[in-house]
N, C-alpha and C. Protein backbone atom coordinates (compact mmCIF):
# COMPACT_ATOMS: atom_id res chain seq x y z
N MET A 1 0.85 -1.18 0.00
CA MET A 1 0.00 0.00 0.00
C MET A 1 0.89 1.24 0.00
N ARG A 2 0.35 2.29 -0.60
CA ARG A 2 1.13 3.53 -0.65
C ARG A 2 0.23 4.71 -0.34
N ILE A 3 0.85 5.79 0.11
CA ILE A 3 0.15 7.04 0.32
C ILE A 3 -0.02 7.69 -1.05
N THR A 4 -1.24 8.16 -1.36
CA THR A 4 -1.53 8.62 -2.72
C THR A 4 -1.42 10.13 -2.92
N GLY A 5 -1.28 10.91 -1.83
CA GLY A 5 -1.21 12.34 -2.02
C GLY A 5 -0.62 13.07 -0.83
N GLY A 6 -0.30 14.33 -1.03
CA GLY A 6 0.24 15.15 0.04
C GLY A 6 1.73 15.00 0.23
N SER A 7 2.21 15.41 1.39
CA SER A 7 3.65 15.42 1.68
C SER A 7 4.30 14.04 1.64
N LEU A 8 3.53 13.01 1.94
CA LEU A 8 4.08 11.65 1.97
C LEU A 8 3.71 10.84 0.71
N SER A 9 3.28 11.51 -0.32
CA SER A 9 2.84 10.84 -1.54
C SER A 9 3.89 9.85 -2.04
N GLY A 10 3.44 8.62 -2.32
CA GLY A 10 4.33 7.58 -2.82
C GLY A 10 4.96 6.74 -1.73
N ARG A 11 4.90 7.19 -0.50
CA ARG A 11 5.50 6.44 0.61
C ARG A 11 4.75 5.13 0.79
N ILE A 12 5.51 4.04 0.96
CA ILE A 12 4.94 2.71 1.13
C ILE A 12 4.59 2.50 2.61
N ILE A 13 3.41 1.94 2.85
CA ILE A 13 2.94 1.63 4.20
C ILE A 13 2.88 0.11 4.33
N LYS A 14 3.38 -0.40 5.46
CA LYS A 14 3.37 -1.84 5.69
C LYS A 14 1.96 -2.33 5.97
N CYS A 15 1.69 -3.53 5.51
CA CYS A 15 0.39 -4.17 5.76
C CYS A 15 0.57 -5.13 6.93
N PRO A 16 -0.28 -5.02 7.97
CA PRO A 16 -0.12 -5.89 9.14
C PRO A 16 -0.59 -7.30 8.89
N ASP A 17 -0.17 -8.21 9.79
CA ASP A 17 -0.66 -9.58 9.77
C ASP A 17 -2.13 -9.59 10.17
N GLY A 18 -2.75 -10.72 9.97
CA GLY A 18 -4.16 -10.87 10.35
C GLY A 18 -5.06 -10.57 9.17
N VAL A 19 -6.35 -10.58 9.43
CA VAL A 19 -7.35 -10.33 8.40
C VAL A 19 -7.39 -8.85 8.11
N ILE A 20 -7.22 -8.50 6.85
CA ILE A 20 -7.24 -7.08 6.46
C ILE A 20 -7.75 -6.96 5.04
N ARG A 21 -8.51 -5.91 4.82
CA ARG A 21 -9.00 -5.56 3.48
C ARG A 21 -8.66 -4.09 3.32
N PRO A 22 -7.42 -3.80 2.91
CA PRO A 22 -7.01 -2.40 2.84
C PRO A 22 -7.81 -1.61 1.81
N ALA A 23 -8.09 -0.35 2.14
CA ALA A 23 -8.76 0.54 1.19
C ALA A 23 -7.86 0.65 -0.05
N MET A 24 -8.43 0.38 -1.20
CA MET A 24 -7.66 0.41 -2.44
C MET A 24 -7.08 1.81 -2.66
N ASP A 25 -5.87 1.85 -3.22
CA ASP A 25 -5.22 3.14 -3.50
C ASP A 25 -6.13 4.04 -4.32
N ARG A 26 -6.75 3.48 -5.36
CA ARG A 26 -7.61 4.26 -6.25
C ARG A 26 -8.81 4.83 -5.50
N MET A 27 -9.41 4.01 -4.65
CA MET A 27 -10.56 4.47 -3.88
C MET A 27 -10.14 5.57 -2.90
N ARG A 28 -9.05 5.34 -2.19
CA ARG A 28 -8.57 6.33 -1.22
C ARG A 28 -8.25 7.65 -1.90
N GLU A 29 -7.55 7.58 -3.02
CA GLU A 29 -7.19 8.78 -3.76
C GLU A 29 -8.45 9.54 -4.19
N SER A 30 -9.45 8.82 -4.66
CA SER A 30 -10.70 9.44 -5.09
C SER A 30 -11.44 10.08 -3.92
N VAL A 31 -11.56 9.38 -2.81
CA VAL A 31 -12.25 9.91 -1.63
C VAL A 31 -11.58 11.19 -1.15
N PHE A 32 -10.27 11.18 -1.06
CA PHE A 32 -9.56 12.37 -0.58
C PHE A 32 -9.67 13.52 -1.57
N ALA A 33 -9.71 13.23 -2.86
CA ALA A 33 -9.90 14.29 -3.87
C ALA A 33 -11.28 14.91 -3.73
N ILE A 34 -12.29 14.10 -3.45
CA ILE A 34 -13.66 14.60 -3.26
C ILE A 34 -13.72 15.53 -2.05
N LEU A 35 -13.02 15.17 -0.99
CA LEU A 35 -13.07 15.94 0.25
C LEU A 35 -12.36 17.28 0.14
N GLY A 36 -11.38 17.37 -0.74
CA GLY A 36 -10.69 18.64 -0.94
C GLY A 36 -9.64 18.91 0.11
N PRO A 37 -9.29 20.19 0.33
CA PRO A 37 -8.20 20.52 1.24
C PRO A 37 -8.51 20.12 2.69
N PHE A 38 -7.46 19.73 3.39
CA PHE A 38 -7.59 19.28 4.77
C PHE A 38 -6.94 20.23 5.77
N ASP A 39 -6.52 21.38 5.32
CA ASP A 39 -5.76 22.30 6.16
C ASP A 39 -6.43 22.52 7.51
N GLY A 40 -5.74 22.07 8.56
CA GLY A 40 -6.20 22.29 9.92
C GLY A 40 -7.32 21.39 10.38
N ALA A 41 -7.76 20.43 9.58
CA ALA A 41 -8.90 19.58 9.92
C ALA A 41 -8.51 18.48 10.92
N SER A 42 -9.53 17.96 11.59
CA SER A 42 -9.34 16.79 12.45
C SER A 42 -9.96 15.59 11.75
N PHE A 43 -9.33 14.43 11.90
CA PHE A 43 -9.72 13.24 11.14
C PHE A 43 -9.76 12.03 12.06
N LEU A 44 -10.81 11.22 11.93
CA LEU A 44 -10.94 9.98 12.70
C LEU A 44 -11.07 8.82 11.72
N ASP A 45 -10.21 7.83 11.88
CA ASP A 45 -10.16 6.64 11.02
C ASP A 45 -10.62 5.44 11.85
N LEU A 46 -11.83 4.93 11.57
CA LEU A 46 -12.39 3.81 12.32
C LEU A 46 -12.20 2.51 11.55
N PHE A 47 -11.85 1.44 12.25
CA PHE A 47 -11.50 0.15 11.67
C PHE A 47 -10.25 0.35 10.81
N SER A 48 -9.23 0.86 11.43
CA SER A 48 -8.07 1.41 10.75
C SER A 48 -7.23 0.40 9.96
N GLY A 49 -7.13 -0.82 10.42
CA GLY A 49 -6.35 -1.82 9.69
C GLY A 49 -4.86 -1.58 9.75
N SER A 50 -4.33 -0.77 8.86
CA SER A 50 -2.89 -0.49 8.80
C SER A 50 -2.56 0.95 9.23
N GLY A 51 -3.58 1.79 9.36
CA GLY A 51 -3.36 3.20 9.66
C GLY A 51 -3.23 4.07 8.43
N THR A 52 -3.33 3.47 7.25
CA THR A 52 -3.10 4.18 6.00
C THR A 52 -4.01 5.39 5.80
N VAL A 53 -5.29 5.26 6.13
CA VAL A 53 -6.23 6.36 5.88
C VAL A 53 -5.91 7.55 6.79
N ALA A 54 -5.62 7.30 8.05
CA ALA A 54 -5.24 8.40 8.97
C ALA A 54 -3.94 9.05 8.51
N ILE A 55 -2.99 8.24 8.08
CA ILE A 55 -1.71 8.77 7.60
C ILE A 55 -1.93 9.59 6.34
N GLU A 56 -2.79 9.11 5.45
CA GLU A 56 -3.12 9.86 4.24
C GLU A 56 -3.70 11.23 4.60
N ALA A 57 -4.57 11.28 5.61
CA ALA A 57 -5.19 12.54 6.03
C ALA A 57 -4.14 13.55 6.49
N VAL A 58 -3.19 13.13 7.33
CA VAL A 58 -2.17 14.09 7.80
C VAL A 58 -1.20 14.43 6.68
N SER A 59 -0.94 13.49 5.77
CA SER A 59 -0.11 13.76 4.62
C SER A 59 -0.71 14.88 3.77
N ARG A 60 -2.04 14.93 3.74
CA ARG A 60 -2.76 15.92 2.94
C ARG A 60 -3.12 17.19 3.73
N GLY A 61 -2.59 17.32 4.95
CA GLY A 61 -2.74 18.58 5.67
C GLY A 61 -3.61 18.58 6.90
N ALA A 62 -4.21 17.44 7.28
CA ALA A 62 -5.00 17.43 8.51
C ALA A 62 -4.09 17.77 9.69
N ALA A 63 -4.59 18.60 10.61
CA ALA A 63 -3.81 19.01 11.77
C ALA A 63 -3.70 17.91 12.80
N SER A 64 -4.72 17.05 12.85
CA SER A 64 -4.70 15.95 13.81
C SER A 64 -5.46 14.76 13.24
N ALA A 65 -5.06 13.58 13.69
CA ALA A 65 -5.75 12.36 13.28
C ALA A 65 -5.72 11.38 14.43
N GLU A 66 -6.80 10.61 14.51
CA GLU A 66 -6.87 9.51 15.46
C GLU A 66 -7.33 8.30 14.69
N LEU A 67 -6.87 7.14 15.13
CA LEU A 67 -7.30 5.91 14.49
C LEU A 67 -7.72 4.90 15.55
N VAL A 68 -8.63 4.03 15.16
CA VAL A 68 -9.15 3.01 16.07
C VAL A 68 -9.10 1.66 15.37
N GLU A 69 -8.48 0.69 16.04
CA GLU A 69 -8.38 -0.67 15.52
C GLU A 69 -8.46 -1.64 16.70
N LYS A 70 -9.33 -2.61 16.59
CA LYS A 70 -9.53 -3.57 17.67
C LYS A 70 -8.50 -4.70 17.65
N ASP A 71 -8.08 -5.12 16.47
CA ASP A 71 -7.21 -6.28 16.32
C ASP A 71 -5.79 -5.96 16.79
N ARG A 72 -5.41 -6.48 17.95
CA ARG A 72 -4.10 -6.19 18.55
C ARG A 72 -2.94 -6.79 17.75
N ILE A 73 -3.22 -7.76 16.88
CA ILE A 73 -2.17 -8.31 16.02
C ILE A 73 -1.61 -7.22 15.12
N LYS A 74 -2.42 -6.26 14.79
CA LYS A 74 -2.02 -5.18 13.88
C LYS A 74 -1.27 -4.05 14.60
N ARG A 75 -1.26 -4.07 15.91
CA ARG A 75 -0.74 -2.96 16.73
C ARG A 75 0.69 -2.54 16.34
N GLN A 76 1.61 -3.47 16.31
CA GLN A 76 3.02 -3.10 16.05
C GLN A 76 3.20 -2.50 14.66
N THR A 77 2.53 -3.07 13.66
CA THR A 77 2.65 -2.53 12.31
C THR A 77 2.03 -1.14 12.23
N ILE A 78 0.86 -0.96 12.84
CA ILE A 78 0.23 0.36 12.85
C ILE A 78 1.15 1.37 13.50
N LEU A 79 1.68 1.03 14.68
CA LEU A 79 2.55 1.97 15.40
C LEU A 79 3.80 2.31 14.59
N ALA A 80 4.37 1.33 13.87
CA ALA A 80 5.54 1.59 13.03
C ALA A 80 5.17 2.52 11.87
N ASN A 81 4.03 2.27 11.23
CA ASN A 81 3.58 3.14 10.13
C ASN A 81 3.34 4.56 10.64
N VAL A 82 2.66 4.68 11.77
CA VAL A 82 2.34 5.99 12.34
C VAL A 82 3.62 6.74 12.74
N ARG A 83 4.56 6.04 13.33
CA ARG A 83 5.82 6.66 13.76
C ARG A 83 6.55 7.30 12.57
N ILE A 84 6.58 6.61 11.45
CA ILE A 84 7.23 7.14 10.24
C ILE A 84 6.54 8.44 9.81
N ALA A 85 5.21 8.44 9.80
CA ALA A 85 4.46 9.63 9.39
C ALA A 85 4.65 10.77 10.38
N GLU A 86 4.61 10.46 11.67
CA GLU A 86 4.77 11.50 12.69
C GLU A 86 6.14 12.17 12.59
N GLU A 87 7.18 11.38 12.38
CA GLU A 87 8.53 11.93 12.28
C GLU A 87 8.68 12.77 11.01
N ALA A 88 8.11 12.31 9.91
CA ALA A 88 8.24 13.03 8.64
C ALA A 88 7.46 14.34 8.65
N LEU A 89 6.31 14.37 9.34
CA LEU A 89 5.41 15.53 9.27
C LEU A 89 5.34 16.34 10.56
N ASN A 90 6.01 15.88 11.60
CA ASN A 90 5.96 16.55 12.90
C ASN A 90 4.51 16.77 13.35
N VAL A 91 3.74 15.68 13.30
CA VAL A 91 2.33 15.70 13.70
C VAL A 91 2.07 14.47 14.56
N ARG A 92 1.09 14.53 15.42
CA ARG A 92 0.77 13.39 16.28
C ARG A 92 -0.50 12.70 15.77
N ILE A 93 -0.41 11.38 15.64
CA ILE A 93 -1.57 10.55 15.30
C ILE A 93 -1.84 9.67 16.52
N ARG A 94 -2.99 9.88 17.13
CA ARG A 94 -3.35 9.09 18.32
C ARG A 94 -3.93 7.76 17.89
N CYS A 95 -3.46 6.69 18.53
CA CYS A 95 -3.90 5.34 18.22
C CYS A 95 -4.68 4.77 19.40
N HIS A 96 -5.84 4.20 19.10
CA HIS A 96 -6.68 3.57 20.12
C HIS A 96 -6.89 2.11 19.70
N PHE A 97 -6.48 1.20 20.55
CA PHE A 97 -6.61 -0.22 20.24
C PHE A 97 -7.77 -0.78 21.08
N MET A 98 -8.95 -0.66 20.50
CA MET A 98 -10.18 -1.10 21.17
C MET A 98 -11.28 -1.23 20.13
N ALA A 99 -12.40 -1.77 20.55
CA ALA A 99 -13.55 -1.88 19.65
C ALA A 99 -14.03 -0.48 19.27
N VAL A 100 -14.36 -0.31 18.02
CA VAL A 100 -14.86 0.98 17.52
C VAL A 100 -16.09 1.42 18.30
N GLU A 101 -16.99 0.49 18.56
CA GLU A 101 -18.23 0.82 19.26
C GLU A 101 -17.94 1.40 20.65
N LEU A 102 -16.97 0.82 21.36
CA LEU A 102 -16.58 1.31 22.69
C LEU A 102 -15.94 2.69 22.57
N PHE A 103 -15.07 2.84 21.60
CA PHE A 103 -14.43 4.14 21.39
C PHE A 103 -15.48 5.23 21.16
N LEU A 104 -16.45 4.96 20.30
CA LEU A 104 -17.47 5.96 19.99
C LEU A 104 -18.29 6.33 21.23
N GLN A 105 -18.53 5.37 22.10
CA GLN A 105 -19.28 5.67 23.32
C GLN A 105 -18.47 6.54 24.29
N ARG A 106 -17.16 6.43 24.24
CA ARG A 106 -16.28 7.16 25.18
C ARG A 106 -15.68 8.43 24.59
N CYS A 107 -15.76 8.59 23.30
CA CYS A 107 -15.08 9.70 22.62
C CYS A 107 -15.59 11.06 23.12
N PRO A 108 -14.68 11.94 23.55
CA PRO A 108 -15.09 13.22 24.13
C PRO A 108 -15.14 14.39 23.15
N ARG A 109 -14.83 14.15 21.89
CA ARG A 109 -14.72 15.30 20.97
C ARG A 109 -15.32 15.00 19.60
N ALA A 110 -15.54 16.06 18.84
CA ALA A 110 -16.06 15.94 17.48
C ALA A 110 -14.91 16.07 16.48
N PHE A 111 -15.11 15.51 15.29
CA PHE A 111 -14.10 15.53 14.23
C PHE A 111 -14.69 16.15 12.98
N ASP A 112 -13.81 16.73 12.16
CA ASP A 112 -14.22 17.29 10.87
C ASP A 112 -14.53 16.19 9.85
N TYR A 113 -13.78 15.10 9.93
CA TYR A 113 -13.96 13.98 9.01
C TYR A 113 -13.90 12.68 9.80
N ILE A 114 -14.81 11.78 9.51
CA ILE A 114 -14.80 10.45 10.11
C ILE A 114 -14.93 9.44 8.97
N PHE A 115 -13.94 8.56 8.88
CA PHE A 115 -13.95 7.52 7.86
C PHE A 115 -14.15 6.17 8.54
N CYS A 116 -15.21 5.46 8.16
CA CYS A 116 -15.53 4.14 8.72
C CYS A 116 -15.30 3.10 7.64
N ASP A 117 -14.44 2.14 7.93
CA ASP A 117 -14.14 1.09 6.96
C ASP A 117 -14.25 -0.28 7.62
N PRO A 118 -15.48 -0.64 8.06
CA PRO A 118 -15.64 -1.92 8.75
C PRO A 118 -15.44 -3.10 7.81
N PRO A 119 -15.14 -4.26 8.38
CA PRO A 119 -15.04 -5.46 7.54
C PRO A 119 -16.36 -5.68 6.80
N PHE A 120 -16.31 -6.22 5.61
CA PHE A 120 -17.53 -6.37 4.82
C PHE A 120 -18.61 -7.23 5.51
N PRO A 121 -18.26 -8.25 6.31
CA PRO A 121 -19.33 -8.99 6.99
C PRO A 121 -20.00 -8.21 8.14
N TYR A 122 -19.44 -7.08 8.53
CA TYR A 122 -19.98 -6.27 9.63
C TYR A 122 -21.43 -5.90 9.33
N ARG A 123 -22.29 -5.97 10.35
CA ARG A 123 -23.72 -5.77 10.12
C ARG A 123 -24.26 -4.45 10.65
N PHE A 124 -23.43 -3.63 11.29
CA PHE A 124 -23.96 -2.48 12.02
C PHE A 124 -23.55 -1.13 11.43
N HIS A 125 -23.50 -1.04 10.11
CA HIS A 125 -23.12 0.20 9.44
C HIS A 125 -24.03 1.35 9.85
N GLN A 126 -25.32 1.15 9.77
CA GLN A 126 -26.27 2.22 10.10
C GLN A 126 -26.16 2.62 11.57
N GLU A 127 -25.99 1.63 12.44
CA GLU A 127 -25.87 1.91 13.87
C GLU A 127 -24.63 2.77 14.17
N LEU A 128 -23.54 2.54 13.43
CA LEU A 128 -22.34 3.39 13.60
C LEU A 128 -22.68 4.85 13.33
N LEU A 129 -23.38 5.09 12.22
CA LEU A 129 -23.75 6.46 11.88
C LEU A 129 -24.73 7.04 12.88
N GLU A 130 -25.62 6.21 13.41
CA GLU A 130 -26.56 6.69 14.45
C GLU A 130 -25.82 7.14 15.70
N VAL A 131 -24.79 6.39 16.11
CA VAL A 131 -24.00 6.77 17.29
C VAL A 131 -23.21 8.04 17.01
N ILE A 132 -22.60 8.12 15.85
CA ILE A 132 -21.84 9.33 15.47
C ILE A 132 -22.75 10.55 15.52
N ALA A 133 -23.95 10.42 14.99
CA ALA A 133 -24.91 11.54 15.00
C ALA A 133 -25.41 11.81 16.41
N GLY A 134 -25.83 10.77 17.10
CA GLY A 134 -26.41 10.92 18.42
C GLY A 134 -25.45 11.51 19.44
N ARG A 135 -24.18 11.20 19.32
CA ARG A 135 -23.17 11.72 20.25
C ARG A 135 -22.51 13.01 19.72
N ARG A 136 -22.98 13.48 18.57
CA ARG A 136 -22.45 14.71 17.95
C ARG A 136 -20.92 14.63 17.78
N LEU A 137 -20.46 13.52 17.22
CA LEU A 137 -19.03 13.31 17.03
C LEU A 137 -18.52 13.91 15.72
N LEU A 138 -19.43 14.48 14.95
CA LEU A 138 -19.08 15.14 13.70
C LEU A 138 -19.33 16.63 13.88
N THR A 139 -18.35 17.45 13.48
CA THR A 139 -18.52 18.89 13.59
C THR A 139 -19.67 19.36 12.70
N GLU A 140 -20.13 20.58 12.91
CA GLU A 140 -21.27 21.12 12.15
C GLU A 140 -21.09 21.03 10.65
N THR A 141 -19.87 21.26 10.18
CA THR A 141 -19.61 21.24 8.74
C THR A 141 -18.86 19.98 8.32
N GLY A 142 -18.79 19.00 9.21
CA GLY A 142 -18.01 17.79 8.95
C GLY A 142 -18.69 16.82 8.01
N ARG A 143 -17.93 15.80 7.63
CA ARG A 143 -18.44 14.72 6.78
C ARG A 143 -18.04 13.38 7.36
N ALA A 144 -18.97 12.46 7.34
CA ALA A 144 -18.70 11.07 7.71
C ALA A 144 -18.78 10.23 6.44
N MET A 145 -17.82 9.37 6.27
CA MET A 145 -17.80 8.47 5.12
C MET A 145 -17.86 7.04 5.64
N ILE A 146 -18.59 6.21 4.94
CA ILE A 146 -18.65 4.79 5.33
C ILE A 146 -18.48 3.93 4.10
N HIS A 147 -17.53 3.01 4.17
CA HIS A 147 -17.20 2.09 3.08
C HIS A 147 -18.01 0.81 3.32
N ARG A 148 -18.75 0.38 2.31
CA ARG A 148 -19.63 -0.78 2.47
C ARG A 148 -19.67 -1.59 1.18
N PRO A 149 -20.09 -2.86 1.30
CA PRO A 149 -20.30 -3.65 0.09
C PRO A 149 -21.56 -3.16 -0.63
N ALA A 150 -21.60 -3.28 -1.93
CA ALA A 150 -22.73 -2.78 -2.74
C ALA A 150 -24.06 -3.38 -2.30
N GLU A 151 -24.05 -4.63 -1.86
CA GLU A 151 -25.31 -5.27 -1.47
C GLU A 151 -25.85 -4.79 -0.12
N LYS A 152 -25.07 -4.07 0.65
CA LYS A 152 -25.51 -3.53 1.95
C LYS A 152 -26.04 -2.12 1.72
N LYS A 153 -27.33 -1.95 1.82
CA LYS A 153 -27.96 -0.64 1.58
C LYS A 153 -28.06 0.14 2.89
N LEU A 154 -27.90 1.46 2.82
CA LEU A 154 -28.06 2.34 3.97
C LEU A 154 -29.12 3.40 3.66
N ALA A 155 -29.76 3.88 4.71
CA ALA A 155 -30.79 4.91 4.56
C ALA A 155 -30.16 6.23 4.13
N ALA A 156 -30.94 7.07 3.47
CA ALA A 156 -30.47 8.39 3.05
C ALA A 156 -30.41 9.36 4.22
N HIS A 157 -31.20 9.11 5.26
CA HIS A 157 -31.21 9.97 6.45
C HIS A 157 -31.04 9.10 7.68
N ILE A 158 -29.99 9.40 8.45
CA ILE A 158 -29.68 8.62 9.64
C ILE A 158 -29.36 9.57 10.79
N GLY A 159 -30.26 9.66 11.76
CA GLY A 159 -30.01 10.41 12.99
C GLY A 159 -29.65 11.87 12.80
N GLY A 160 -30.19 12.54 11.79
CA GLY A 160 -29.84 13.93 11.52
C GLY A 160 -28.77 14.09 10.45
N LEU A 161 -28.17 12.97 10.04
CA LEU A 161 -27.19 12.99 8.95
C LEU A 161 -27.92 12.65 7.66
N SER A 162 -27.47 13.23 6.57
CA SER A 162 -28.09 13.01 5.28
C SER A 162 -27.04 12.60 4.26
N LEU A 163 -27.37 11.62 3.45
CA LEU A 163 -26.49 11.17 2.38
C LEU A 163 -26.35 12.30 1.37
N CYS A 164 -25.11 12.72 1.12
CA CYS A 164 -24.91 13.81 0.17
C CYS A 164 -24.09 13.38 -1.05
N ASP A 165 -23.50 12.19 -1.00
CA ASP A 165 -22.74 11.69 -2.15
C ASP A 165 -22.55 10.19 -1.96
N GLU A 166 -22.38 9.50 -3.07
CA GLU A 166 -22.13 8.07 -3.06
C GLU A 166 -21.21 7.76 -4.22
N ARG A 167 -20.13 7.05 -3.96
CA ARG A 167 -19.19 6.69 -5.02
C ARG A 167 -19.03 5.18 -5.07
N VAL A 168 -19.03 4.64 -6.28
CA VAL A 168 -18.95 3.20 -6.48
C VAL A 168 -17.55 2.84 -6.97
N TYR A 169 -16.95 1.83 -6.32
CA TYR A 169 -15.62 1.32 -6.68
C TYR A 169 -15.74 -0.20 -6.80
N GLY A 170 -16.11 -0.68 -7.96
CA GLY A 170 -16.32 -2.12 -8.12
C GLY A 170 -17.51 -2.56 -7.28
N ARG A 171 -17.30 -3.53 -6.39
CA ARG A 171 -18.39 -3.96 -5.51
C ARG A 171 -18.38 -3.22 -4.17
N SER A 172 -17.59 -2.17 -4.08
CA SER A 172 -17.52 -1.33 -2.89
C SER A 172 -18.19 0.02 -3.15
N ILE A 173 -18.79 0.56 -2.11
CA ILE A 173 -19.39 1.88 -2.18
C ILE A 173 -18.91 2.69 -0.98
N VAL A 174 -18.63 3.96 -1.21
CA VAL A 174 -18.36 4.88 -0.11
C VAL A 174 -19.49 5.91 -0.11
N ASP A 175 -20.21 5.95 1.02
CA ASP A 175 -21.28 6.92 1.21
C ASP A 175 -20.74 8.10 2.01
N PHE A 176 -21.15 9.30 1.64
CA PHE A 176 -20.74 10.53 2.31
C PHE A 176 -21.98 11.12 3.01
N TYR A 177 -21.88 11.38 4.30
CA TYR A 177 -22.98 11.95 5.06
C TYR A 177 -22.56 13.27 5.68
N GLU A 178 -23.51 14.20 5.74
CA GLU A 178 -23.35 15.49 6.41
C GLU A 178 -24.58 15.73 7.27
N TRP A 179 -24.49 16.70 8.17
CA TRP A 179 -25.67 17.12 8.90
C TRP A 179 -26.69 17.65 7.89
N GLU A 180 -27.94 17.33 8.08
CA GLU A 180 -28.98 17.67 7.10
C GLU A 180 -29.03 19.15 6.75
N VAL A 181 -28.80 20.04 7.69
CA VAL A 181 -28.85 21.47 7.40
C VAL A 181 -27.68 21.93 6.53
N ASN A 182 -26.61 21.12 6.46
CA ASN A 182 -25.41 21.51 5.71
C ASN A 182 -25.22 20.73 4.42
N THR A 183 -26.19 19.95 4.01
CA THR A 183 -25.99 19.08 2.85
C THR A 183 -25.72 19.91 1.60
N HIS A 184 -24.48 19.76 1.12
CA HIS A 184 -24.07 20.47 -0.10
C HIS A 184 -22.91 19.80 -0.81
N CYS A 185 -22.56 18.58 -0.44
CA CYS A 185 -21.40 17.96 -1.11
C CYS A 185 -21.77 17.34 -2.44
């Protein structure tokens, strides 16, 4: 895997052991292009896998990033990948090794961007967005993205969030949600 844009563009990221379905380079590059500039933004990467998406965000100018991954087998690889990015960019990426659902219940702050990339067999995509909305974990002008298999359908309106864009990448789809009053993407 490689970083597709920003200061670390082209940098190779290690893939950890264990079960992983890394976000395709093409998909990641497209999602980040859609989102536009990240200057000063905060970014949350849920179901992080290798840490690539959080690293991509800081490479493209996010001021802060946090990632959440439950699988402890991936811990050392994630920390090594993050350390390289932190040293190169002089930025801190906070790593949380716990279940995403637990993190969301305990999270004390809102983010400008939240990227959810659960394993394809995961059944609680809509519930994740409901918790994000219900706990106000997305800033007023923020966007939440969720990567899902094409056969898994999500509602257009979830807990005050509204679907504002949908991109198809083979049998994968990334849905973009904003607060209903701000829908303009």
